[in-house]
Structures are given as C-alpha cells and as structure tokens.
Amino acid sequence: MTFSRMIVLAFSTVLIACDPPNYIFEKSNDYSLEKPWTVADSLEYNFQVKDTSRYYNLLLEIDHHKDYKYENLYVKFVTTFPNQSHKTDVVSLSMADESGSWYSDCRGRTCTFYLTLQEHAIFSEPGSYQIKLSPWMRMDTIPDIYRVAFKVEKAGKRQNLNK
C-alpha cells in the first residue's frame, strides 16, 4: 500500500469515527460596535421537541472582545413550555476567573465562551418550546459582545422510563 493511500485510509477512518453534533435547534445572533446587544433586544429561540425519551444538552456560545470589561454576564431566561406555562431564571455566566483570565477560547481580539447551560435536560412533553434570553446587567447596552448562539443537542436515550 502506498503512503498516499495509507493517509487517505487513515483520514477516512477518522471521519467515519467522528460523531458530529446532533442539533435539533441552532440559532445565532450577531452584534457589533454599531449594533450592540441591548436590554430591549430579547433573543427568541423557538424549537420543537418530538422525542421525550431522550436527554438533551442546552448549549450557549458567546463571542466577545478580549477586553470585555466584566468577569461575568448576567442574563435572564424565560422558558415557555408547550402548555404555555413559564419559568424565569436570572443567571450569572462566569466568563473569567478572579484574576481576569478568560474561560473562553481566545484568538486575536475575539474570544468564544462555550457554556453547557444544562446537561441531560428532560423535556417531559412533546411540542413547541421557547426560550427568551436577554441581558440583565446594570446597563442598557452590553458592549463588546459580538455573537450569542443557542443550541439544543440530542444526548443519550433515557433509561427505565416505565419505572
């Protein structure tokens, strides 16, 4: 076997072995210096859950400037369930440690903060879900945030559903 065939075979094996993320929902909102993220700019994420026999991971990605002034970002989540009931949470997202080192992946002037909001979430009823996300800081405009993305990823099957 020639060296180039071995490389192609090895690369093909790696691609087949890699399991890509299995998102049922993915949406991103972009911001800039000219159009920053504001309190009035609630992000709405509407998605359908059909399979209640599995777990889901709720993921958030935030791109920010490396000179973002704060160690955290307070956000308000309002979740609307298929039965139209609501749940509201205010969460502090810790983006840096006490010394100011980012938990983000930084490249150049832009850093990407990856956060698992909830691992192995259970949606007990099928239907339409909505998550509204808005900044909940002590200011109307949040500078240096470039992108906010929300994803819902299929995780493993739940066990013992009849117990």
Protein backbone atom coordinates (compact mmCIF):
# COMPACT_ATOMS: atom_id res chain seq x y z
CA MET A 1 0.00 0.00 0.00
CA THR A 2 1.40 3.37 -0.95
CA PHE A 3 1.91 6.15 1.58
CA SER A 4 -0.79 8.36 0.00
CA ARG A 5 -3.35 5.52 0.16
CA MET A 6 -2.48 4.97 3.83
CA ILE A 7 -3.06 8.67 4.54
CA VAL A 8 -6.42 8.62 2.71
CA LEU A 9 -7.44 5.46 4.58
CA ALA A 10 -6.43 6.90 7.96
CA PHE A 11 -8.23 10.20 7.28
CA SER A 12 -11.37 8.36 6.11
CA THR A 13 -11.35 6.21 9.25
CA VAL A 14 -11.12 9.31 11.45
CA LEU A 15 -14.02 10.97 9.61
CA ILE A 16 -16.22 7.88 9.94
CA ALA A 17 -15.36 7.51 13.63
CA CYS A 18 -16.18 11.14 14.45
CA ASP A 19 -19.75 11.58 15.58
CA PRO A 20 -20.89 15.08 14.58
CA PRO A 21 -23.10 17.03 16.95
CA ASN A 22 -26.76 16.20 16.55
CA TYR A 23 -28.55 19.52 16.99
CA ILE A 24 -32.33 19.74 16.82
CA PHE A 25 -32.01 23.52 17.01
CA GLU A 26 -29.27 26.07 16.40
CA LYS A 27 -29.54 29.85 16.05
CA SER A 28 -27.04 32.67 16.25
CA ASN A 29 -27.48 36.44 16.69
CA ASP A 30 -24.70 38.83 15.66
CA TYR A 31 -23.78 42.21 17.17
CA SER A 32 -21.20 44.91 16.52
CA LEU A 33 -19.99 48.28 17.79
CA GLU A 34 -22.61 49.90 15.56
CA LYS A 35 -25.37 47.49 16.63
CA PRO A 36 -24.62 46.30 20.19
CA TRP A 37 -26.69 43.89 22.26
CA THR A 38 -29.23 45.87 24.30
CA VAL A 39 -31.73 45.09 27.06
CA ALA A 40 -34.54 45.74 24.56
CA ASP A 41 -33.08 43.05 22.28
CA SER A 42 -34.59 39.85 23.69
CA LEU A 43 -33.41 36.84 21.75
CA GLU A 44 -36.15 34.31 20.99
CA TYR A 45 -35.36 30.69 20.35
CA ASN A 46 -38.32 28.57 19.24
CA PHE A 47 -37.82 24.85 18.80
CA GLN A 48 -39.81 21.62 18.62
CA VAL A 49 -39.25 18.58 20.81
CA LYS A 50 -40.67 15.38 19.38
CA ASP A 51 -38.74 12.68 21.27
CA THR A 52 -39.32 12.81 25.04
CA SER A 53 -37.47 9.52 25.60
CA ARG A 54 -34.04 11.08 25.37
CA TYR A 55 -31.85 13.66 27.08
CA TYR A 56 -30.88 16.98 25.52
CA ASN A 57 -27.99 19.37 26.14
CA LEU A 58 -28.72 23.10 26.13
CA LEU A 59 -25.66 24.99 24.89
CA LEU A 60 -24.72 28.66 24.71
CA GLU A 61 -21.84 30.31 22.84
CA ILE A 62 -20.89 33.95 23.28
CA ASP A 63 -18.27 35.75 21.18
CA HIS A 64 -16.82 38.75 22.97
CA HIS A 65 -13.90 41.15 22.68
CA LYS A 66 -10.82 40.12 24.65
CA ASP A 67 -11.12 43.44 26.53
CA TYR A 68 -14.71 42.83 27.68
CA LYS A 69 -14.80 44.72 30.99
CA TYR A 70 -16.58 42.19 33.18
CA GLU A 71 -15.83 38.74 34.60
CA ASN A 72 -19.45 37.74 34.13
CA LEU A 73 -22.58 38.40 32.13
CA TYR A 74 -25.97 38.38 33.81
CA VAL A 75 -28.76 37.07 31.60
CA LYS A 76 -32.45 36.45 32.06
CA PHE A 77 -34.02 33.29 30.64
CA VAL A 78 -37.77 32.92 30.19
CA THR A 79 -38.79 29.43 29.12
CA THR A 80 -42.27 28.82 27.70
CA PHE A 81 -43.44 25.20 27.69
CA PRO A 82 -45.94 23.56 25.31
CA ASN A 83 -48.73 24.03 27.90
CA GLN A 84 -47.91 27.81 27.86
CA SER A 85 -46.56 27.83 31.44
CA HIS A 86 -43.43 29.94 32.01
CA LYS A 87 -40.29 29.67 34.07
CA THR A 88 -37.95 32.64 34.62
CA ASP A 89 -34.32 32.40 35.71
CA VAL A 90 -31.65 35.07 36.12
CA VAL A 91 -28.18 33.58 35.77
CA SER A 92 -24.67 34.95 36.18
CA LEU A 93 -22.43 33.49 33.49
CA SER A 94 -18.87 33.46 34.87
CA MET A 95 -16.69 34.20 31.87
CA ALA A 96 -13.36 34.73 33.66
CA ASP A 97 -11.66 33.76 36.87
CA GLU A 98 -10.85 36.21 39.69
CA SER A 99 -7.51 37.11 38.07
CA GLY A 100 -9.25 38.06 34.82
CA SER A 101 -8.18 35.01 32.79
CA TRP A 102 -10.91 34.10 30.32
CA TYR A 103 -12.63 30.73 30.38
CA SER A 104 -13.10 31.46 26.69
CA ASP A 105 -11.18 30.26 23.67
CA CYS A 106 -9.41 33.45 22.53
CA ARG A 107 -7.93 34.03 19.09
CA GLY A 108 -6.73 37.52 18.35
CA ARG A 109 -9.17 40.09 19.70
CA THR A 110 -12.18 37.76 19.77
CA CYS A 111 -12.92 35.16 22.43
CA THR A 112 -15.60 32.47 22.28
CA PHE A 113 -17.17 31.41 25.57
CA TYR A 114 -18.72 27.92 25.47
CA LEU A 115 -21.23 27.02 28.15
CA THR A 116 -23.40 24.00 28.78
CA LEU A 117 -26.50 25.59 30.29
CA GLN A 118 -27.99 22.23 31.13
CA GLU A 119 -26.66 18.76 30.50
CA HIS A 120 -29.12 15.89 30.12
CA ALA A 121 -32.19 18.13 30.15
CA ILE A 122 -35.50 16.31 30.06
CA PHE A 123 -38.43 17.60 28.03
CA SER A 124 -41.38 15.76 29.53
CA GLU A 125 -43.92 16.71 26.87
CA PRO A 126 -43.55 16.96 23.10
CA GLY A 127 -44.32 20.24 21.41
CA SER A 128 -43.15 23.82 20.96
CA TYR A 129 -40.71 25.35 23.41
CA GLN A 130 -39.49 28.92 23.51
CA ILE A 131 -36.51 30.35 25.34
CA LYS A 132 -36.15 34.13 25.54
CA LEU A 133 -32.73 35.37 26.51
CA SER A 134 -31.93 38.97 27.41
CA PRO A 135 -29.04 40.74 29.11
CA TRP A 136 -29.73 41.50 32.77
CA MET A 137 -26.88 43.86 33.63
CA ARG A 138 -26.97 47.29 35.28
CA MET A 139 -26.77 48.96 31.87
CA ASP A 140 -28.98 49.13 28.79
CA THR A 141 -26.24 48.38 26.25
CA ILE A 142 -23.80 45.50 26.56
CA PRO A 143 -20.56 46.48 24.81
CA ASP A 144 -18.07 44.05 23.30
CA ILE A 145 -20.48 41.13 22.77
CA TYR A 146 -20.32 40.07 19.10
CA ARG A 147 -22.45 36.93 18.90
CA VAL A 148 -24.84 34.91 21.03
CA ALA A 149 -25.73 31.39 19.86
CA PHE A 150 -28.12 28.87 21.43
CA LYS A 151 -28.18 25.18 20.55
CA VAL A 152 -30.23 22.17 21.59
CA GLU A 153 -28.30 18.95 21.12
CA LYS A 154 -29.64 15.40 21.28
CA ALA A 155 -27.93 13.42 24.02
CA GLY A 156 -28.40 9.77 25.01
CA LYS A 157 -31.60 7.84 25.48
CA ARG A 158 -33.14 7.88 28.94
CA GLN A 159 -33.24 4.56 30.78
CA ASN A 160 -36.10 2.95 32.72
CA LEU A 161 -38.86 5.26 31.51
CA ASN A 162 -41.58 2.95 32.84
CA LYS A 163 -40.43 2.97 36.47
